[in-house]
Amino acid sequence: MYTKPPRLPSFSGKYHLPFPEGKYPIIGYHDIMTGTNQSDGVFIRLIYPAEEQSINLCERHSEWPNWYPHQNYKIGYSQVMPPRLSPVARFLQYAAGDYFIPILPNLKPSANKFPVIVFSHGIASNRTTYSNICNQLASNGFIVAGE
């Protein structure tokens, strides 16, 4: 008998990546497109410690971005995976659509100076795949530019 795999921890039925755990747990982000159009530009997510650290993330969960912003991301993953990993691709299509990233858009950045990390996800990935790593880095006092 097939049973659904366990999910990530939930908040009021909303599945999400782990909350940032560093000194700055409230993380803001801006999505930025460089270049003049989609063919010569790069889509970057800038993740940073927010100035206001007393925000209740759970109360603002409707603002959290999707971990996979569009169904086509999951389809793309399944197309680049080797056949031996097709069960993984099927799992991603099944499980990854309704997860959210507990960060908030367009918050005012902290006035503190932080080091910058440029994070490249590598081939066959996208800007949200390593969100948990980038969020943890930002919560520990880094500004992360993830492409």
C-alpha atoms as a PDB file:
ATOM      1  CA  MET A   1       0.000   0.000   0.000  1.00  0.00           C
ATOM      2  CA  TYR A   2       1.371   3.422  -0.990  1.00  0.00           C
ATOM      3  CA  THR A   3       1.336   6.173   1.606  1.00  0.00           C
ATOM      4  CA  LYS A   4       2.258   9.789   1.164  1.00  0.00           C
ATOM      5  CA  PRO A   5       5.807  10.636   2.270  1.00  0.00           C
ATOM      6  CA  PRO A   6       6.205  12.823   5.363  1.00  0.00           C
ATOM      7  CA  ARG A   7       6.105  16.553   4.724  1.00  0.00           C
ATOM      8  CA  LEU A   8       8.186  19.391   6.032  1.00  0.00           C
ATOM      9  CA  PRO A   9       6.900  20.941   9.299  1.00  0.00           C
ATOM     10  CA  SER A  10       3.692  22.867   8.786  1.00  0.00           C
ATOM     11  CA  PHE A  11       2.214  26.070  10.139  1.00  0.00           C
ATOM     12  CA  SER A  12      -1.587  26.150  10.024  1.00  0.00           C
ATOM     13  CA  GLY A  13      -1.583  23.714   7.115  1.00  0.00           C
ATOM     14  CA  LYS A  14       0.977  25.748   5.165  1.00  0.00           C
ATOM     15  CA  TYR A  15       4.099  23.719   4.465  1.00  0.00           C
ATOM     16  CA  HIS A  16       7.336  25.656   4.521  1.00  0.00           C
ATOM     17  CA  LEU A  17      11.087  25.454   4.687  1.00  0.00           C
ATOM     18  CA  PRO A  18      12.595  25.786   8.180  1.00  0.00           C
ATOM     19  CA  PHE A  19      12.535  29.214   9.771  1.00  0.00           C
ATOM     20  CA  PRO A  20      15.880  31.070   9.705  1.00  0.00           C
ATOM     21  CA  GLU A  21      17.672  30.395  12.977  1.00  0.00           C
ATOM     22  CA  GLY A  22      20.490  32.944  13.143  1.00  0.00           C
ATOM     23  CA  LYS A  23      20.868  36.257  14.967  1.00  0.00           C
ATOM     24  CA  TYR A  24      18.640  37.938  12.334  1.00  0.00           C
ATOM     25  CA  PRO A  25      15.664  35.563  11.858  1.00  0.00           C
ATOM     26  CA  ILE A  26      13.567  38.061   9.890  1.00  0.00           C
ATOM     27  CA  ILE A  27      14.794  37.951   6.315  1.00  0.00           C
ATOM     28  CA  GLY A  28      13.759  40.214   3.473  1.00  0.00           C
ATOM     29  CA  TYR A  29      14.188  39.665  -0.227  1.00  0.00           C
ATOM     30  CA  HIS A  30      14.051  41.493  -3.550  1.00  0.00           C
ATOM     31  CA  ASP A  31      13.852  39.732  -6.909  1.00  0.00           C
ATOM     32  CA  ILE A  32      15.931  41.610  -9.475  1.00  0.00           C
ATOM     33  CA  MET A  33      16.228  41.093 -13.243  1.00  0.00           C
ATOM     34  CA  THR A  34      19.479  42.305 -14.784  1.00  0.00           C
ATOM     35  CA  GLY A  35      19.978  43.018 -18.486  1.00  0.00           C
ATOM     36  CA  THR A  36      17.496  44.404 -20.969  1.00  0.00           C
ATOM     37  CA  ASN A  37      15.285  41.326 -21.400  1.00  0.00           C
ATOM     38  CA  GLN A  38      14.938  37.644 -20.480  1.00  0.00           C
ATOM     39  CA  SER A  39      17.371  36.464 -23.153  1.00  0.00           C
ATOM     40  CA  ASP A  40      20.363  38.494 -21.941  1.00  0.00           C
ATOM     41  CA  GLY A  41      19.477  38.988 -18.287  1.00  0.00           C
ATOM     42  CA  VAL A  42      19.915  37.128 -15.044  1.00  0.00           C
ATOM     43  CA  PHE A  43      17.177  36.765 -12.452  1.00  0.00           C
ATOM     44  CA  ILE A  44      18.637  37.298  -8.962  1.00  0.00           C
ATOM     45  CA  ARG A  45      17.065  36.961  -5.539  1.00  0.00           C
ATOM     46  CA  LEU A  46      18.724  39.309  -3.050  1.00  0.00           C
ATOM     47  CA  ILE A  47      18.263  37.971   0.510  1.00  0.00           C
ATOM     48  CA  TYR A  48      19.221  40.096   3.517  1.00  0.00           C
ATOM     49  CA  PRO A  49      18.695  40.634   7.248  1.00  0.00           C
ATOM     50  CA  ALA A  50      15.758  42.998   7.718  1.00  0.00           C
ATOM     51  CA  GLU A  51      15.936  46.129   9.865  1.00  0.00           C
ATOM     52  CA  GLU A  52      12.785  45.198  11.788  1.00  0.00           C
ATOM     53  CA  GLN A  53      13.450  41.966  13.695  1.00  0.00           C
ATOM     54  CA  SER A  54      10.234  41.880  15.758  1.00  0.00           C
ATOM     55  CA  ILE A  55       7.901  40.983  12.861  1.00  0.00           C
ATOM     56  CA  ASN A  56       5.763  37.902  13.428  1.00  0.00           C
ATOM     57  CA  LEU A  57       6.522  35.756  10.361  1.00  0.00           C
ATOM     58  CA  CYS A  58       3.565  33.463  10.988  1.00  0.00           C
ATOM     59  CA  GLU A  59       1.084  36.342  10.908  1.00  0.00           C
ATOM     60  CA  ARG A  60       2.406  37.368   7.492  1.00  0.00           C
ATOM     61  CA  HIS A  61       2.550  33.880   5.960  1.00  0.00           C
ATOM     62  CA  SER A  62       0.397  34.976   3.011  1.00  0.00           C
ATOM     63  CA  GLU A  63       3.410  37.004   1.785  1.00  0.00           C
ATOM     64  CA  TRP A  64       5.845  34.069   1.758  1.00  0.00           C
ATOM     65  CA  PRO A  65       7.062  33.159  -1.738  1.00  0.00           C
ATOM     66  CA  ASN A  66       6.577  29.666  -3.164  1.00  0.00           C
ATOM     67  CA  TRP A  67       9.601  27.394  -3.058  1.00  0.00           C
ATOM     68  CA  TYR A  68       8.791  26.438  -6.669  1.00  0.00           C
ATOM     69  CA  PRO A  69       7.352  29.597  -8.207  1.00  0.00           C
ATOM     70  CA  HIS A  70       5.759  27.760 -11.141  1.00  0.00           C
ATOM     71  CA  GLN A  71       4.802  24.206 -12.088  1.00  0.00           C
ATOM     72  CA  ASN A  72       7.273  24.378 -15.000  1.00  0.00           C
ATOM     73  CA  TYR A  73      10.207  24.306 -12.550  1.00  0.00           C
ATOM     74  CA  LYS A  74       9.237  20.810 -11.435  1.00  0.00           C
ATOM     75  CA  ILE A  75       8.711  19.668 -15.023  1.00  0.00           C
ATOM     76  CA  GLY A  76      12.143  21.037 -15.940  1.00  0.00           C
ATOM     77  CA  TYR A  77      13.787  19.136 -13.096  1.00  0.00           C
ATOM     78  CA  SER A  78      12.175  15.904 -14.209  1.00  0.00           C
ATOM     79  CA  GLN A  79      13.457  16.419 -17.773  1.00  0.00           C
ATOM     80  CA  VAL A  80      17.122  16.892 -16.823  1.00  0.00           C
ATOM     81  CA  MET A  81      17.310  14.028 -14.328  1.00  0.00           C
ATOM     82  CA  PRO A  82      18.831  10.753 -15.507  1.00  0.00           C
ATOM     83  CA  PRO A  83      16.299   7.917 -15.914  1.00  0.00           C
ATOM     84  CA  ARG A  84      17.586   6.171 -12.789  1.00  0.00           C
ATOM     85  CA  LEU A  85      16.457   9.224 -10.789  1.00  0.00           C
ATOM     86  CA  SER A  86      12.958   9.361 -12.256  1.00  0.00           C
ATOM     87  CA  PRO A  87      11.409   8.309  -8.921  1.00  0.00           C
ATOM     88  CA  VAL A  88      13.014  11.427  -7.430  1.00  0.00           C
ATOM     89  CA  ALA A  89      11.514  13.529 -10.205  1.00  0.00           C
ATOM     90  CA  ARG A  90       8.081  12.044  -9.584  1.00  0.00           C
ATOM     91  CA  PHE A  91       8.466  12.759  -5.873  1.00  0.00           C
ATOM     92  CA  LEU A  92       9.389  16.392  -6.608  1.00  0.00           C
ATOM     93  CA  GLN A  93       6.358  16.809  -8.828  1.00  0.00           C
ATOM     94  CA  TYR A  94       4.189  15.282  -6.124  1.00  0.00           C
ATOM     95  CA  ALA A  95       5.610  16.967  -3.048  1.00  0.00           C
ATOM     96  CA  ALA A  96       7.246  20.267  -3.879  1.00  0.00           C
ATOM     97  CA  GLY A  97       4.413  22.393  -5.202  1.00  0.00           C
ATOM     98  CA  ASP A  98       2.932  23.684  -1.990  1.00  0.00           C
ATOM     99  CA  TYR A  99       5.997  24.611   0.049  1.00  0.00           C
ATOM    100  CA  PHE A 100       6.754  28.161   0.984  1.00  0.00           C
ATOM    101  CA  ILE A 101       9.853  30.102   2.013  1.00  0.00           C
ATOM    102  CA  PRO A 102       9.415  31.951   5.353  1.00  0.00           C
ATOM    103  CA  ILE A 103      10.881  35.272   4.188  1.00  0.00           C
ATOM    104  CA  LEU A 104       9.142  38.546   3.370  1.00  0.00           C
ATOM    105  CA  PRO A 105       9.323  40.687   0.227  1.00  0.00           C
ATOM    106  CA  ASN A 106      10.711  44.206   0.118  1.00  0.00           C
ATOM    107  CA  LEU A 107      11.463  44.689   3.808  1.00  0.00           C
ATOM    108  CA  LYS A 108      13.774  47.546   4.703  1.00  0.00           C
ATOM    109  CA  PRO A 109      17.324  46.142   4.939  1.00  0.00           C
ATOM    110  CA  SER A 110      19.228  46.384   8.193  1.00  0.00           C
ATOM    111  CA  ALA A 111      21.420  49.479   8.440  1.00  0.00           C
ATOM    112  CA  ASN A 112      24.331  47.284   9.583  1.00  0.00           C
ATOM    113  CA  LYS A 113      27.109  46.463   7.154  1.00  0.00           C
ATOM    114  CA  PHE A 114      27.239  42.781   6.219  1.00  0.00           C
ATOM    115  CA  PRO A 115      29.508  40.738   3.955  1.00  0.00           C
ATOM    116  CA  VAL A 116      28.040  39.747   0.587  1.00  0.00           C
ATOM    117  CA  ILE A 117      27.901  36.191  -0.745  1.00  0.00           C
ATOM    118  CA  VAL A 118      27.194  35.535  -4.427  1.00  0.00           C
ATOM    119  CA  PHE A 119      25.543  32.121  -4.550  1.00  0.00           C
ATOM    120  CA  SER A 120      25.290  30.282  -7.859  1.00  0.00           C
ATOM    121  CA  HIS A 121      23.038  27.244  -7.872  1.00  0.00           C
ATOM    122  CA  GLY A 122      24.852  25.455 -10.690  1.00  0.00           C
ATOM    123  CA  ILE A 123      23.407  23.593 -13.629  1.00  0.00           C
ATOM    124  CA  ALA A 124      19.948  22.000 -13.576  1.00  0.00           C
ATOM    125  CA  SER A 125      18.706  24.108 -10.698  1.00  0.00           C
ATOM    126  CA  ASN A 126      17.027  27.455 -10.048  1.00  0.00           C
ATOM    127  CA  ARG A 127      17.195  30.426  -7.686  1.00  0.00           C
ATOM    128  CA  THR A 128      14.872  28.869  -5.120  1.00  0.00           C
ATOM    129  CA  THR A 129      16.444  25.395  -4.838  1.00  0.00           C
ATOM    130  CA  TYR A 130      18.955  26.401  -2.169  1.00  0.00           C
ATOM    131  CA  SER A 131      16.637  28.819  -0.376  1.00  0.00           C
ATOM    132  CA  ASN A 132      17.151  27.221   3.014  1.00  0.00           C
ATOM    133  CA  ILE A 133      20.950  27.578   2.798  1.00  0.00           C
ATOM    134  CA  CYS A 134      20.706  31.185   1.595  1.00  0.00           C
ATOM    135  CA  ASN A 135      18.148  32.053   4.288  1.00  0.00           C
ATOM    136  CA  GLN A 136      20.346  30.595   7.020  1.00  0.00           C
ATOM    137  CA  LEU A 137      23.328  32.577   5.695  1.00  0.00           C
ATOM    138  CA  ALA A 138      21.271  35.795   5.709  1.00  0.00           C
ATOM    139  CA  SER A 139      20.004  35.113   9.226  1.00  0.00           C
ATOM    140  CA  ASN A 140      23.605  34.838  10.343  1.00  0.00           C
ATOM    141  CA  GLY A 141      24.543  38.280   9.032  1.00  0.00           C
ATOM    142  CA  PHE A 142      25.234  37.926   5.300  1.00  0.00           C
ATOM    143  CA  ILE A 143      23.653  39.487   2.249  1.00  0.00           C
ATOM    144  CA  VAL A 144      23.131  36.748  -0.322  1.00  0.00           C
ATOM    145  CA  ALA A 145      22.757  37.355  -4.049  1.00  0.00           C
ATOM    146  CA  GLY A 146      21.452  34.094  -5.464  1.00  0.00           C
ATOM    147  CA  GLU A 147      20.973  33.641  -9.165  1.00  0.00           C
END
